[in-house]
Amino acid sequence: MGARAARPELGKLVDAAHYVGQHTIITKSGEPRAVLVPYEWWSQRQNRPG
């Protein structure tokens, strides 16, 4: 999803990440720049060895 399109939808995207487990790739100029993921998913991966 483009960054510009994601801005007005951010609340919905956050809810989708939290309640449904949806991951959203945010792009800029057609290139991936960031990923919105559920906090629990991200948190579990922070303590994994290399």
PDB file of N, CA and C in Angstrom:
ATOM      1  N   MET A   1       0.853  -1.164   0.000  1.00  0.00           N
ATOM      2  CA  MET A   1       0.000   0.000   0.000  1.00  0.00           C
ATOM      3  C   MET A   1       0.898   1.225   0.000  1.00  0.00           C
ATOM      4  N   GLY A   2       0.576   2.185  -0.816  1.00  0.00           N
ATOM      5  CA  GLY A   2       1.354   3.413  -0.863  1.00  0.00           C
ATOM      6  C   GLY A   2       1.224   4.216   0.420  1.00  0.00           C
ATOM      7  N   ALA A   3       2.278   4.917   0.784  1.00  0.00           N
ATOM      8  CA  ALA A   3       2.293   5.697   2.024  1.00  0.00           C
ATOM      9  C   ALA A   3       1.174   6.732   2.038  1.00  0.00           C
ATOM     10  N   ARG A   4       0.955   7.375   0.927  1.00  0.00           N
ATOM     11  CA  ARG A   4      -0.097   8.398   0.855  1.00  0.00           C
ATOM     12  C   ARG A   4      -1.477   7.783   1.085  1.00  0.00           C
ATOM     13  N   ALA A   5      -1.718   6.613   0.514  1.00  0.00           N
ATOM     14  CA  ALA A   5      -3.002   5.925   0.695  1.00  0.00           C
ATOM     15  C   ALA A   5      -3.148   5.377   2.110  1.00  0.00           C
ATOM     16  N   ALA A   6      -2.033   5.031   2.743  1.00  0.00           N
ATOM     17  CA  ALA A   6      -2.080   4.456   4.087  1.00  0.00           C
ATOM     18  C   ALA A   6      -2.416   5.489   5.160  1.00  0.00           C
ATOM     19  N   ARG A   7      -2.025   6.743   4.938  1.00  0.00           N
ATOM     20  CA  ARG A   7      -2.241   7.769   5.970  1.00  0.00           C
ATOM     21  C   ARG A   7      -3.671   7.839   6.479  1.00  0.00           C
ATOM     22  N   PRO A   8      -4.650   8.032   5.609  1.00  0.00           N
ATOM     23  CA  PRO A   8      -6.014   8.146   6.136  1.00  0.00           C
ATOM     24  C   PRO A   8      -6.584   6.826   6.650  1.00  0.00           C
ATOM     25  N   GLU A   9      -5.934   5.718   6.321  1.00  0.00           N
ATOM     26  CA  GLU A   9      -6.394   4.394   6.727  1.00  0.00           C
ATOM     27  C   GLU A   9      -5.618   3.839   7.923  1.00  0.00           C
ATOM     28  N   LEU A  10      -4.727   4.625   8.502  1.00  0.00           N
ATOM     29  CA  LEU A  10      -3.818   4.102   9.517  1.00  0.00           C
ATOM     30  C   LEU A  10      -4.556   3.443  10.681  1.00  0.00           C
ATOM     31  N   GLY A  11      -5.600   4.068  11.177  1.00  0.00           N
ATOM     32  CA  GLY A  11      -6.360   3.470  12.280  1.00  0.00           C
ATOM     33  C   GLY A  11      -6.905   2.102  11.922  1.00  0.00           C
ATOM     34  N   LYS A  12      -7.452   1.971  10.717  1.00  0.00           N
ATOM     35  CA  LYS A  12      -7.981   0.686  10.258  1.00  0.00           C
ATOM     36  C   LYS A  12      -6.868  -0.338  10.081  1.00  0.00           C
ATOM     37  N   LEU A  13      -5.723   0.113   9.577  1.00  0.00           N
ATOM     38  CA  LEU A  13      -4.595  -0.802   9.388  1.00  0.00           C
ATOM     39  C   LEU A  13      -4.055  -1.304  10.728  1.00  0.00           C
ATOM     40  N   VAL A  14      -4.000  -0.415  11.708  1.00  0.00           N
ATOM     41  CA  VAL A  14      -3.553  -0.819  13.053  1.00  0.00           C
ATOM     42  C   VAL A  14      -4.529  -1.831  13.645  1.00  0.00           C
ATOM     43  N   ASP A  15      -5.824  -1.567  13.518  1.00  0.00           N
ATOM     44  CA  ASP A  15      -6.820  -2.520  14.022  1.00  0.00           C
ATOM     45  C   ASP A  15      -6.707  -3.863  13.304  1.00  0.00           C
ATOM     46  N   ALA A  16      -6.487  -3.838  11.991  1.00  0.00           N
ATOM     47  CA  ALA A  16      -6.348  -5.086  11.235  1.00  0.00           C
ATOM     48  C   ALA A  16      -5.117  -5.860  11.690  1.00  0.00           C
ATOM     49  N   ALA A  17      -4.049  -5.155  11.999  1.00  0.00           N
ATOM     50  CA  ALA A  17      -2.843  -5.824  12.505  1.00  0.00           C
ATOM     51  C   ALA A  17      -3.131  -6.459  13.863  1.00  0.00           C
ATOM     52  N   HIS A  18      -3.766  -5.706  14.732  1.00  0.00           N
ATOM     53  CA  HIS A  18      -4.008  -6.190  16.098  1.00  0.00           C
ATOM     54  C   HIS A  18      -5.051  -7.306  16.153  1.00  0.00           C
ATOM     55  N   TYR A  19      -6.203  -7.091  15.545  1.00  0.00           N
ATOM     56  CA  TYR A  19      -7.315  -8.022  15.689  1.00  0.00           C
ATOM     57  C   TYR A  19      -7.292  -9.182  14.709  1.00  0.00           C
ATOM     58  N   VAL A  20      -6.738  -8.976  13.516  1.00  0.00           N
ATOM     59  CA  VAL A  20      -6.787 -10.006  12.483  1.00  0.00           C
ATOM     60  C   VAL A  20      -5.407 -10.612  12.219  1.00  0.00           C
ATOM     61  N   GLY A  21      -4.361  -9.922  12.666  1.00  0.00           N
ATOM     62  CA  GLY A  21      -3.007 -10.412  12.420  1.00  0.00           C
ATOM     63  C   GLY A  21      -2.485 -10.044  11.045  1.00  0.00           C
ATOM     64  N   GLN A  22      -3.089  -9.044  10.429  1.00  0.00           N
ATOM     65  CA  GLN A  22      -2.708  -8.627   9.076  1.00  0.00           C
ATOM     66  C   GLN A  22      -1.383  -7.871   9.071  1.00  0.00           C
ATOM     67  N   HIS A  23      -0.533  -8.206   8.124  1.00  0.00           N
ATOM     68  CA  HIS A  23       0.713  -7.483   7.892  1.00  0.00           C
ATOM     69  C   HIS A  23       0.497  -6.598   6.674  1.00  0.00           C
ATOM     70  N   THR A  24       0.959  -5.343   6.743  1.00  0.00           N
ATOM     71  CA  THR A  24       0.800  -4.426   5.617  1.00  0.00           C
ATOM     72  C   THR A  24       2.152  -3.849   5.232  1.00  0.00           C
ATOM     73  N   ILE A  25       2.521  -4.013   3.976  1.00  0.00           N
ATOM     74  CA  ILE A  25       3.759  -3.429   3.468  1.00  0.00           C
ATOM     75  C   ILE A  25       3.437  -2.029   2.972  1.00  0.00           C
ATOM     76  N   ILE A  26       4.185  -1.044   3.448  1.00  0.00           N
ATOM     77  CA  ILE A  26       4.010   0.339   3.039  1.00  0.00           C
ATOM     78  C   ILE A  26       5.092   0.668   2.012  1.00  0.00           C
ATOM     79  N   THR A  27       4.665   1.196   0.884  1.00  0.00           N
ATOM     80  CA  THR A  27       5.609   1.528  -0.183  1.00  0.00           C
ATOM     81  C   THR A  27       5.686   3.033  -0.389  1.00  0.00           C
ATOM     82  N   LYS A  28       6.772   3.453  -0.995  1.00  0.00           N
ATOM     83  CA  LYS A  28       6.943   4.847  -1.395  1.00  0.00           C
ATOM     84  C   LYS A  28       7.602   4.809  -2.765  1.00  0.00           C
ATOM     85  N   SER A  29       7.007   5.487  -3.708  1.00  0.00           N
ATOM     86  CA  SER A  29       7.479   5.454  -5.102  1.00  0.00           C
ATOM     87  C   SER A  29       7.584   4.019  -5.610  1.00  0.00           C
ATOM     88  N   GLY A  30       6.653   3.172  -5.161  1.00  0.00           N
ATOM     89  CA  GLY A  30       6.608   1.789  -5.625  1.00  0.00           C
ATOM     90  C   GLY A  30       7.587   0.844  -4.969  1.00  0.00           C
ATOM     91  N   GLU A  31       8.397   1.336  -4.024  1.00  0.00           N
ATOM     92  CA  GLU A  31       9.384   0.487  -3.351  1.00  0.00           C
ATOM     93  C   GLU A  31       8.975   0.259  -1.903  1.00  0.00           C
ATOM     94  N   PRO A  32       9.126  -0.968  -1.399  1.00  0.00           N
ATOM     95  CA  PRO A  32       8.796  -1.243   0.001  1.00  0.00           C
ATOM     96  C   PRO A  32       9.673  -0.417   0.941  1.00  0.00           C
ATOM     97  N   ARG A  33       9.055   0.208   1.934  1.00  0.00           N
ATOM     98  CA  ARG A  33       9.803   1.039   2.882  1.00  0.00           C
ATOM     99  C   ARG A  33       9.590   0.638   4.328  1.00  0.00           C
ATOM    100  N   ALA A  34       8.418   0.066   4.653  1.00  0.00           N
ATOM    101  CA  ALA A  34       8.117  -0.297   6.034  1.00  0.00           C
ATOM    102  C   ALA A  34       7.040  -1.382   6.031  1.00  0.00           C
ATOM    103  N   VAL A  35       6.906  -2.044   7.175  1.00  0.00           N
ATOM    104  CA  VAL A  35       5.869  -3.060   7.331  1.00  0.00           C
ATOM    105  C   VAL A  35       5.154  -2.817   8.648  1.00  0.00           C
ATOM    106  N   LEU A  36       3.847  -2.792   8.601  1.00  0.00           N
ATOM    107  CA  LEU A  36       3.030  -2.696   9.803  1.00  0.00           C
ATOM    108  C   LEU A  36       2.632  -4.116  10.178  1.00  0.00           C
ATOM    109  N   VAL A  37       3.060  -4.561  11.344  1.00  0.00           N
ATOM    110  CA  VAL A  37       2.802  -5.929  11.796  1.00  0.00           C
ATOM    111  C   VAL A  37       2.179  -5.892  13.184  1.00  0.00           C
ATOM    112  N   PRO A  38       1.510  -6.971  13.575  1.00  0.00           N
ATOM    113  CA  PRO A  38       0.975  -7.025  14.938  1.00  0.00           C
ATOM    114  C   PRO A  38       2.113  -6.931  15.958  1.00  0.00           C
ATOM    115  N   TYR A  39       1.876  -6.202  17.041  1.00  0.00           N
ATOM    116  CA  TYR A  39       2.907  -6.023  18.060  1.00  0.00           C
ATOM    117  C   TYR A  39       3.369  -7.364  18.616  1.00  0.00           C
ATOM    118  N   GLU A  40       2.449  -8.277  18.876  1.00  0.00           N
ATOM    119  CA  GLU A  40       2.824  -9.579  19.443  1.00  0.00           C
ATOM    120  C   GLU A  40       3.781 -10.324  18.517  1.00  0.00           C
ATOM    121  N   TRP A  41       3.507 -10.288  17.212  1.00  0.00           N
ATOM    122  CA  TRP A  41       4.379 -10.938  16.224  1.00  0.00           C
ATOM    123  C   TRP A  41       5.786 -10.342  16.291  1.00  0.00           C
ATOM    124  N   TRP A  42       5.859  -9.020  16.289  1.00  0.00           N
ATOM    125  CA  TRP A  42       7.146  -8.326  16.343  1.00  0.00           C
ATOM    126  C   TRP A  42       7.867  -8.620  17.659  1.00  0.00           C
ATOM    127  N   SER A  43       7.136  -8.548  18.763  1.00  0.00           N
ATOM    128  CA  SER A  43       7.724  -8.752  20.093  1.00  0.00           C
ATOM    129  C   SER A  43       8.347 -10.139  20.222  1.00  0.00           C
ATOM    130  N   GLN A  44       7.691 -11.146  19.713  1.00  0.00           N
ATOM    131  CA  GLN A  44       8.203 -12.509  19.792  1.00  0.00           C
ATOM    132  C   GLN A  44       9.510 -12.680  19.040  1.00  0.00           C
ATOM    133  N   ARG A  45       9.723 -11.901  18.033  1.00  0.00           N
ATOM    134  CA  ARG A  45      10.935 -12.020  17.226  1.00  0.00           C
ATOM    135  C   ARG A  45      12.108 -11.186  17.747  1.00  0.00           C
ATOM    136  N   GLN A  46      11.872 -10.365  18.723  1.00  0.00           N
ATOM    137  CA  GLN A  46      12.939  -9.515  19.264  1.00  0.00           C
ATOM    138  C   GLN A  46      13.941 -10.296  20.114  1.00  0.00           C
ATOM    139  N   ASN A  47      13.534 -11.397  20.682  1.00  0.00           N
ATOM    140  CA  ASN A  47      14.411 -12.145  21.578  1.00  0.00           C
ATOM    141  C   ASN A  47      15.007 -13.388  20.933  1.00  0.00           C
ATOM    142  N   ARG A  48      14.822 -13.544  19.641  1.00  0.00           N
ATOM    143  CA  ARG A  48      15.381 -14.695  18.943  1.00  0.00           C
ATOM    144  C   ARG A  48      16.867 -14.483  18.663  1.00  0.00           C
ATOM    145  N   PRO A  49      17.644 -15.526  18.831  1.00  0.00           N
ATOM    146  CA  PRO A  49      19.066 -15.414  18.478  1.00  0.00           C
ATOM    147  C   PRO A  49      19.226 -15.260  16.967  1.00  0.00           C
ATOM    148  N   GLY A  50      20.205 -14.419  16.564  1.00  0.00           N
ATOM    149  CA  GLY A  50      20.589 -14.099  15.210  1.00  0.00           C
ATOM    150  C   GLY A  50      19.994 -14.861  14.154  1.00  0.00           C
TER     151      GLY A  50
END
